[in-house]
Amino acid sequence: MDLSLNEDQRSFRALARDFLDKEVVPYRAEWDRVESVDTAIIPKLGDIGFLGLTIPEEYGGIGGDYVTYVLAMEELGRADSAIRGIVSVSMGLCGKSVLQFGTEEQKQRWLPGIASGRELGCFGLTEPDHGSDAGNLKTRAVREGDDWVINGSKIFITNGTWADVALVFARTGGPGAKGVSAFLVPTDTPGFEATEVKGKLGLRGQATAALSFDDVRVPADALLGEEGQGFRIAMTALDKGRVGIAASCVGIVQGCLEATVEYTTAREQFGKPIASYQMVQDMIAEMSVDADAARLLTWRAADLIERGERFSVEASKAKLFASEAAVKAANLAIQAFGGYGYVDEYPVQKYMRDARVMTLYEGTSQIQKLIIGRAETGISAFS
């Protein structure tokens, strides 16, 4: 693959970094403390193009390729993963699913609002009893005349209390993945309720919710794709989402590296900067190598998406390595900062808390290993 960036990609990355350094970085500690970002940032993210990347201009987006998208996710991860989550779920998981599987009417209804940041989407897959085992989810949708009636619950849904539309996966047929369908449910529909999940270890600034559906009635045209296609829609979204998560983790590693270099070159002990000591340089070197390795794995997966080639295994490799590297880098950064790394005056403790969930959602590290192992051996660990 060609690892060089073109002028448009470099320009967007520079624009993204400058915007985030002015509009997000100065406020991330306070947003983390109060467990909510200032939602006024969301339309600003739309104005600069974060929420419209890869969405065609005819639907209100700015177009662009998937490599540019991962560059944006990297910069968002470096600045504040809570902001990244808002973007990648609304535009990445929800918006791109509508773009790929939706009718023209569904695209015209939802994509302009998502791309502008004037509306948000959420991705309603995970349930209290079904996380990794999404093919056996229990939320059910029953056809009644020209409507579908949905009953059930979801948990750990990013944007859940802020979203205008929920992409909801529900069982419409028999057991297993083939019985799952997807629905676009406006969140003001009677019977829909979202309750915020508080007390999270990380990603405190983004709204995470439990959703409940009590006889939620939606018209037949709320079905996204075909009946029984829901699991495929979900897995397609998650495959691409894993590349976005990997890019976000590259940003966390890069943020840890930059913060550690800045701190250790200024901090003096025993008469000289602590960056001059070999054990500190060892930690910096590990972060630097992991940043490059994670970035290359992520760019490879993004390039495959852009070429229209198979990328699922490469997405899993990128997500596995980058998420584990992010946890490692944050741990090393705290060690380099010493006691100061343990307080929120500095960003490294937030990087640690935000990084930890990256090994869990959109497929745990263990699930990624099963996917990679199955690809190498041809033997499924799920059978």
Protein backbone atom coordinates (compact mmCIF):
# COMPACT_ATOMS: atom_id res chain seq x y z
CA MET A 1 0.00 0.00 0.00
CA ASP A 2 1.05 3.60 -0.53
CA LEU A 3 1.69 5.00 2.95
CA SER A 4 2.00 8.61 1.86
CA LEU A 5 -0.84 11.05 2.49
CA ASN A 6 -2.13 13.34 -0.21
CA GLU A 7 -2.50 17.08 0.22
CA ASP A 8 -6.22 16.90 1.12
CA GLN A 9 -5.54 14.32 3.83
CA ARG A 10 -2.68 16.31 5.33
CA SER A 11 -4.73 19.49 5.25
CA PHE A 12 -7.70 17.92 7.00
CA ARG A 13 -5.48 16.41 9.68
CA ALA A 14 -3.89 19.80 10.36
CA LEU A 15 -7.30 21.49 10.40
CA ALA A 16 -8.66 18.84 12.79
CA ARG A 17 -5.72 19.16 15.19
CA ASP A 18 -5.90 22.95 15.27
CA PHE A 19 -9.67 22.92 15.87
CA LEU A 20 -9.48 20.32 18.64
CA ASP A 21 -6.57 22.05 20.39
CA LYS A 22 -8.69 25.20 20.59
CA GLU A 23 -12.20 23.86 21.09
CA VAL A 24 -11.75 20.59 23.03
CA VAL A 25 -8.39 20.15 24.76
CA PRO A 26 -8.79 23.19 27.09
CA TYR A 27 -12.15 21.86 28.35
CA ARG A 28 -11.70 18.08 28.45
CA ALA A 29 -10.71 17.90 32.13
CA GLU A 30 -13.77 19.88 33.23
CA TRP A 31 -16.09 17.88 30.96
CA ASP A 32 -14.64 14.74 32.47
CA ARG A 33 -15.25 16.01 36.00
CA VAL A 34 -18.88 16.96 35.38
CA GLU A 35 -19.46 13.82 33.25
CA SER A 36 -20.79 15.72 30.25
CA VAL A 37 -19.28 17.56 27.35
CA ASP A 38 -20.79 20.89 26.40
CA THR A 39 -23.18 19.76 23.67
CA ALA A 40 -22.63 23.09 21.89
CA ILE A 41 -19.48 21.44 20.52
CA ILE A 42 -21.54 18.97 18.45
CA PRO A 43 -22.76 21.34 15.69
CA LYS A 44 -19.24 22.80 15.59
CA LEU A 45 -17.94 19.31 14.86
CA GLY A 46 -20.47 19.19 12.04
CA ASP A 47 -19.46 22.58 10.67
CA ILE A 48 -15.81 21.59 10.39
CA GLY A 49 -16.66 18.30 8.72
CA PHE A 50 -16.05 15.61 11.35
CA LEU A 51 -19.64 14.35 11.16
CA GLY A 52 -19.85 14.43 7.37
CA LEU A 53 -16.71 12.52 6.42
CA THR A 54 -17.34 9.79 3.81
CA ILE A 55 -21.00 10.89 3.50
CA PRO A 56 -21.69 12.22 -0.02
CA GLU A 57 -22.40 15.91 -0.48
CA GLU A 58 -25.87 15.13 -1.81
CA TYR A 59 -26.77 13.97 1.72
CA GLY A 60 -25.12 16.91 3.48
CA GLY A 61 -21.69 15.35 3.98
CA ILE A 62 -18.26 16.43 2.79
CA GLY A 63 -17.29 13.17 1.08
CA GLY A 64 -13.68 12.16 1.56
CA ASP A 65 -12.00 8.80 1.77
CA TYR A 66 -11.69 6.34 4.63
CA VAL A 67 -8.05 7.17 5.32
CA THR A 68 -9.09 10.76 6.01
CA TYR A 69 -11.76 9.38 8.33
CA VAL A 70 -9.22 7.46 10.40
CA LEU A 71 -6.96 10.52 10.52
CA ALA A 72 -9.91 12.39 12.03
CA MET A 73 -10.56 9.60 14.54
CA GLU A 74 -6.89 9.65 15.54
CA GLU A 75 -6.96 13.38 16.23
CA LEU A 76 -10.22 13.02 18.16
CA GLY A 77 -8.71 10.22 20.25
CA ARG A 78 -5.68 12.34 21.03
CA ALA A 79 -7.88 15.26 22.08
CA ASP A 80 -10.76 13.54 23.93
CA SER A 81 -12.11 10.05 23.33
CA ALA A 82 -15.49 11.13 24.68
CA ILE A 83 -15.85 13.49 21.72
CA ARG A 84 -14.58 10.78 19.39
CA GLY A 85 -17.29 8.44 20.63
CA ILE A 86 -20.03 10.94 19.84
CA VAL A 87 -18.74 11.27 16.28
CA SER A 88 -17.93 7.64 15.53
CA VAL A 89 -21.26 6.32 16.81
CA SER A 90 -23.55 8.96 15.27
CA MET A 91 -21.84 9.19 11.90
CA GLY A 92 -19.84 5.95 11.83
CA LEU A 93 -22.12 3.25 13.18
CA CYS A 94 -25.51 4.85 12.58
CA GLY A 95 -25.03 7.23 9.65
CA LYS A 96 -22.92 4.92 7.53
CA SER A 97 -25.37 2.08 8.06
CA VAL A 98 -28.13 4.31 6.73
CA LEU A 99 -25.91 5.28 3.80
CA GLN A 100 -25.10 1.68 2.91
CA PHE A 101 -28.41 -0.04 3.57
CA GLY A 102 -31.05 2.68 3.65
CA THR A 103 -33.69 3.67 1.13
CA GLU A 104 -33.42 7.02 -0.59
CA GLU A 105 -36.12 8.35 1.73
CA GLN A 106 -34.23 7.17 4.81
CA LYS A 107 -31.00 8.75 3.58
CA GLN A 108 -32.72 12.06 2.86
CA ARG A 109 -34.46 12.00 6.25
CA TRP A 110 -31.50 11.26 8.50
CA LEU A 111 -28.14 11.86 6.86
CA PRO A 112 -28.21 15.68 6.47
CA GLY A 113 -28.99 16.14 10.15
CA ILE A 114 -26.31 13.67 11.25
CA ALA A 115 -23.70 15.18 8.93
CA SER A 116 -24.37 18.69 10.23
CA GLY A 117 -24.43 17.71 13.91
CA ARG A 118 -27.96 19.08 14.25
CA GLU A 119 -29.16 15.53 14.86
CA LEU A 120 -27.45 12.57 16.50
CA GLY A 121 -27.76 8.84 16.05
CA CYS A 122 -27.10 5.95 18.40
CA PHE A 123 -26.49 2.24 17.79
CA GLY A 124 -28.79 -0.02 19.79
CA LEU A 125 -27.22 -3.48 19.71
CA THR A 126 -25.86 -4.47 23.14
CA GLU A 127 -28.33 -5.86 25.66
CA PRO A 128 -28.04 -6.56 29.41
CA ASP A 129 -27.59 -10.30 28.71
CA HIS A 130 -26.10 -10.16 25.20
CA GLY A 131 -22.89 -8.31 24.43
CA SER A 132 -20.47 -10.44 22.44
CA ASP A 133 -23.33 -12.87 21.69
CA ALA A 134 -25.31 -10.30 19.72
CA GLY A 135 -26.85 -12.89 17.41
CA ASN A 136 -29.03 -14.12 20.26
CA LEU A 137 -30.41 -10.76 21.37
CA LYS A 138 -33.88 -10.74 22.96
CA THR A 139 -35.41 -7.39 21.98
CA ARG A 140 -38.32 -8.29 19.71
CA ALA A 141 -40.22 -6.54 16.93
CA VAL A 142 -43.62 -7.90 15.91
CA ARG A 143 -45.47 -6.91 12.74
CA GLU A 144 -48.94 -5.48 13.36
CA GLY A 145 -50.59 -4.33 10.16
CA ASP A 146 -48.47 -1.58 8.62
CA ASP A 147 -46.39 -1.15 11.80
CA TRP A 148 -43.70 -2.87 13.81
CA VAL A 149 -44.06 -2.96 17.60
CA ILE A 150 -40.78 -3.19 19.52
CA ASN A 151 -40.29 -4.41 23.10
CA GLY A 152 -37.05 -4.97 24.96
CA SER A 153 -33.99 -3.21 26.34
CA LYS A 154 -30.44 -2.16 25.46
CA ILE A 155 -27.45 -1.16 27.59
CA PHE A 156 -24.24 0.87 27.21
CA ILE A 157 -25.57 2.85 24.25
CA THR A 158 -23.39 5.85 23.37
CA ASN A 159 -25.41 9.02 22.62
CA GLY A 160 -28.48 7.23 23.97
CA THR A 161 -29.94 10.19 25.87
CA TRP A 162 -28.94 12.73 23.20
CA ALA A 163 -29.86 10.87 20.03
CA ASP A 164 -32.66 11.83 17.67
CA VAL A 165 -32.68 8.42 16.02
CA ALA A 166 -31.75 5.00 17.36
CA LEU A 167 -30.62 2.23 15.04
CA VAL A 168 -32.24 -0.65 16.92
CA PHE A 169 -31.61 -4.34 16.36
CA ALA A 170 -34.53 -6.59 17.24
CA ARG A 171 -35.63 -10.15 16.65
CA THR A 172 -38.30 -10.46 13.96
CA GLY A 173 -37.90 -14.16 13.19
CA GLY A 174 -36.59 -17.34 14.70
CA PRO A 175 -33.53 -17.89 16.89
CA GLY A 176 -30.02 -16.91 15.94
CA ALA A 177 -28.52 -14.21 13.77
CA LYS A 178 -30.85 -14.82 10.80
CA GLY A 179 -33.84 -13.75 12.88
CA VAL A 180 -32.54 -10.21 13.58
CA SER A 181 -33.68 -7.07 11.77
CA ALA A 182 -32.70 -3.39 12.04
CA PHE A 183 -34.99 -0.40 12.58
CA LEU A 184 -34.57 3.37 12.54
CA VAL A 185 -36.51 4.51 15.59
CA PRO A 186 -37.05 8.23 16.29
CA THR A 187 -36.32 8.71 19.98
CA ASP A 188 -39.45 10.78 20.53
CA THR A 189 -41.60 7.75 19.69
CA PRO A 190 -43.99 6.89 22.56
CA GLY A 191 -42.70 4.00 24.66
CA PHE A 192 -39.02 4.79 24.01
CA GLU A 193 -37.09 5.68 27.15
CA ALA A 194 -33.38 6.44 27.67
CA THR A 195 -31.72 6.53 31.08
CA GLU A 196 -28.15 7.75 31.41
CA VAL A 197 -25.53 5.39 32.83
CA LYS A 198 -23.46 7.30 35.39
CA GLY A 199 -20.29 6.44 37.28
CA LYS A 200 -18.24 5.22 34.31
CA LEU A 201 -14.50 4.70 34.67
CA GLY A 202 -13.79 6.57 31.44
CA LEU A 203 -15.49 8.29 28.52
CA ARG A 204 -17.32 10.29 31.15
CA GLY A 205 -18.07 13.22 28.89
CA GLN A 206 -20.23 11.30 26.43
CA ALA A 207 -23.77 10.23 27.22
CA THR A 208 -24.07 6.48 27.70
CA ALA A 209 -27.54 5.10 28.26
CA ALA A 210 -29.81 2.19 28.94
CA LEU A 211 -32.70 2.07 26.47
CA SER A 212 -36.09 0.53 27.01
CA PHE A 213 -38.82 -0.17 24.46
CA ASP A 214 -42.36 -0.56 25.73
CA ASP A 215 -44.69 -1.19 22.77
CA VAL A 216 -42.71 1.24 20.62
CA ARG A 217 -44.65 1.44 17.36
CA VAL A 218 -42.87 2.42 14.14
CA PRO A 219 -44.09 2.28 10.53
CA ALA A 220 -42.99 -0.42 8.12
CA ASP A 221 -40.63 1.99 6.39
CA ALA A 222 -38.58 2.22 9.61
CA LEU A 223 -37.04 -1.16 8.67
CA LEU A 224 -33.43 -0.64 7.56
CA GLY A 225 -32.46 -3.05 4.81
CA GLU A 226 -34.46 -6.23 4.52
CA GLU A 227 -36.13 -8.27 7.22
CA GLY A 228 -33.58 -10.70 8.67
CA GLN A 229 -30.64 -8.58 7.48
CA GLY A 230 -30.07 -6.88 10.84
CA PHE A 231 -27.16 -8.99 12.02
CA ARG A 232 -25.32 -8.43 8.75
CA ILE A 233 -25.92 -4.68 9.06
CA ALA A 234 -24.59 -4.72 12.62
CA MET A 235 -21.47 -6.73 11.77
CA THR A 236 -20.72 -4.57 8.73
CA ALA A 237 -20.93 -1.48 10.90
CA LEU A 238 -18.76 -3.02 13.61
CA ASP A 239 -16.09 -4.15 11.14
CA LYS A 240 -15.62 -0.55 10.01
CA GLY A 241 -16.16 0.70 13.54
CA ARG A 242 -13.21 -1.37 14.74
CA VAL A 243 -10.97 0.52 12.34
CA GLY A 244 -12.28 3.76 13.82
CA ILE A 245 -11.64 2.50 17.35
CA ALA A 246 -8.12 1.48 16.34
CA ALA A 247 -7.52 4.98 14.98
CA SER A 248 -8.83 6.51 18.19
CA CYS A 249 -6.42 4.31 20.15
CA VAL A 250 -3.55 5.48 17.93
CA GLY A 251 -4.54 8.96 19.04
CA ILE A 252 -4.42 7.94 22.69
CA VAL A 253 -0.94 6.44 22.26
CA GLN A 254 0.19 9.55 20.41
CA GLY A 255 -1.30 11.78 23.10
CA CYS A 256 0.47 9.80 25.83
CA LEU A 257 3.75 10.05 23.92
CA GLU A 258 3.47 13.80 23.36
CA ALA A 259 2.44 14.49 26.96
CA THR A 260 5.26 12.33 28.31
CA VAL A 261 7.93 13.94 26.14
CA GLU A 262 6.74 17.42 27.09
CA TYR A 263 6.66 16.63 30.79
CA THR A 264 9.88 14.66 31.09
CA THR A 265 11.96 17.15 29.13
CA ALA A 266 10.79 19.95 31.47
CA ARG A 267 10.78 18.05 34.77
CA GLU A 268 14.16 17.91 36.51
CA GLN A 269 15.41 15.49 39.14
CA PHE A 270 18.96 15.22 40.44
CA GLY A 271 19.92 18.26 38.41
CA LYS A 272 18.82 17.21 34.93
CA PRO A 273 15.64 16.51 32.94
CA ILE A 274 14.19 13.11 33.73
CA ALA A 275 13.96 12.46 29.97
CA SER A 276 17.73 12.04 30.05
CA TYR A 277 17.47 8.92 32.21
CA GLN A 278 17.57 5.63 30.35
CA MET A 279 14.54 4.07 32.06
CA VAL A 280 12.40 7.06 31.05
CA GLN A 281 13.72 6.88 27.51
CA ASP A 282 12.83 3.19 27.49
CA MET A 283 9.19 4.06 28.24
CA ILE A 284 9.15 6.78 25.59
CA ALA A 285 10.65 4.40 23.04
CA GLU A 286 7.96 1.78 23.71
CA MET A 287 5.21 4.34 23.20
CA SER A 288 6.80 5.63 20.02
CA VAL A 289 7.16 2.18 18.45
CA ASP A 290 3.63 1.17 19.45
CA ALA A 291 2.22 4.40 17.97
CA ASP A 292 3.86 3.66 14.63
CA ALA A 293 2.87 -0.01 14.61
CA ALA A 294 -0.75 0.69 15.56
CA ARG A 295 -0.97 3.48 13.01
CA LEU A 296 0.31 1.28 10.19
CA LEU A 297 -2.10 -1.55 11.04
CA THR A 298 -4.95 0.96 11.08
CA TRP A 299 -3.98 2.65 7.84
CA ARG A 300 -3.72 -0.75 6.16
CA ALA A 301 -7.29 -1.62 7.15
CA ALA A 302 -8.53 1.82 6.06
CA ASP A 303 -6.78 1.45 2.71
CA LEU A 304 -8.46 -1.92 2.15
CA ILE A 305 -11.87 -0.37 2.87
CA GLU A 306 -11.13 2.39 0.39
CA ARG A 307 -10.10 -0.14 -2.26
CA GLY A 308 -13.28 -2.14 -1.73
CA GLU A 309 -11.36 -5.22 -0.62
CA ARG A 310 -11.97 -7.57 2.32
CA PHE A 311 -10.79 -6.04 5.56
CA SER A 312 -12.52 -7.77 8.51
CA VAL A 313 -9.46 -9.63 9.79
CA GLU A 314 -7.22 -6.60 9.28
CA ALA A 315 -9.74 -4.52 11.21
CA SER A 316 -9.60 -7.00 14.08
CA LYS A 317 -5.80 -6.98 14.08
CA ALA A 318 -5.71 -3.19 14.14
CA LYS A 319 -8.32 -2.95 16.88
CA LEU A 320 -6.66 -5.62 19.02
CA PHE A 321 -3.16 -4.21 18.80
CA ALA A 322 -4.08 -0.53 19.05
CA SER A 323 -6.45 -0.91 22.01
CA GLU A 324 -3.98 -2.95 24.02
CA ALA A 325 -1.21 -0.50 23.05
CA ALA A 326 -3.33 2.41 24.28
CA VAL A 327 -3.71 0.83 27.73
CA LYS A 328 0.01 0.11 27.83
CA ALA A 329 0.98 3.63 26.72
CA ALA A 330 -1.28 5.27 29.28
CA ASN A 331 0.17 3.08 32.03
CA LEU A 332 3.72 3.99 30.98
CA ALA A 333 2.81 7.67 30.79
CA ILE A 334 1.45 7.66 34.34
CA GLN A 335 4.65 5.96 35.48
CA ALA A 336 6.76 8.63 33.79
CA PHE A 337 4.71 11.41 35.37
CA GLY A 338 4.96 9.84 38.83
CA GLY A 339 2.48 11.20 41.34
CA TYR A 340 1.43 13.98 38.99
CA GLY A 341 0.18 11.38 36.55
CA TYR A 342 -2.39 10.28 39.11
CA VAL A 343 -4.27 13.60 39.22
CA ASP A 344 -6.42 15.22 36.56
CA GLU A 345 -4.27 18.33 36.25
CA TYR A 346 -2.51 16.28 33.57
CA PRO A 347 -4.22 14.25 30.82
CA VAL A 348 -2.50 10.89 31.22
CA GLN A 349 -4.84 9.53 33.90
CA LYS A 350 -7.78 10.33 31.60
CA TYR A 351 -6.02 8.57 28.74
CA MET A 352 -5.75 5.51 30.98
CA ARG A 353 -9.43 5.51 31.93
CA ASP A 354 -10.59 6.13 28.38
CA ALA A 355 -8.24 3.53 26.92
CA ARG A 356 -9.48 0.72 29.14
CA VAL A 357 -12.90 0.48 27.51
CA MET A 358 -11.35 0.28 24.05
CA THR A 359 -10.43 -3.35 24.78
CA LEU A 360 -14.09 -4.08 25.56
CA TYR A 361 -16.53 -2.46 23.20
CA GLU A 362 -17.13 -3.11 19.51
CA GLY A 363 -15.70 -6.55 20.20
CA THR A 364 -13.46 -7.41 23.14
CA SER A 365 -9.79 -8.23 22.67
CA GLN A 366 -10.70 -11.87 23.15
CA ILE A 367 -13.30 -11.72 20.37
CA GLN A 368 -10.70 -10.13 18.06
CA LYS A 369 -8.31 -13.00 18.81
CA LEU A 370 -11.02 -15.54 17.99
CA ILE A 371 -11.69 -13.80 14.66
CA ILE A 372 -7.97 -13.72 13.82
CA GLY A 373 -7.45 -17.32 14.95
CA ARG A 374 -10.40 -18.53 12.88
CA ALA A 375 -9.00 -16.75 9.82
CA GLU A 376 -5.59 -18.36 10.28
CA THR A 377 -6.83 -21.89 10.97
CA GLY A 378 -10.12 -22.04 9.13
CA ILE A 379 -11.70 -23.41 12.30
CA SER A 380 -14.41 -21.37 14.03
CA ALA A 381 -14.19 -21.01 17.79
CA PHE A 382 -17.91 -20.10 17.82
CA SER A 383 -19.16 -23.47 16.53
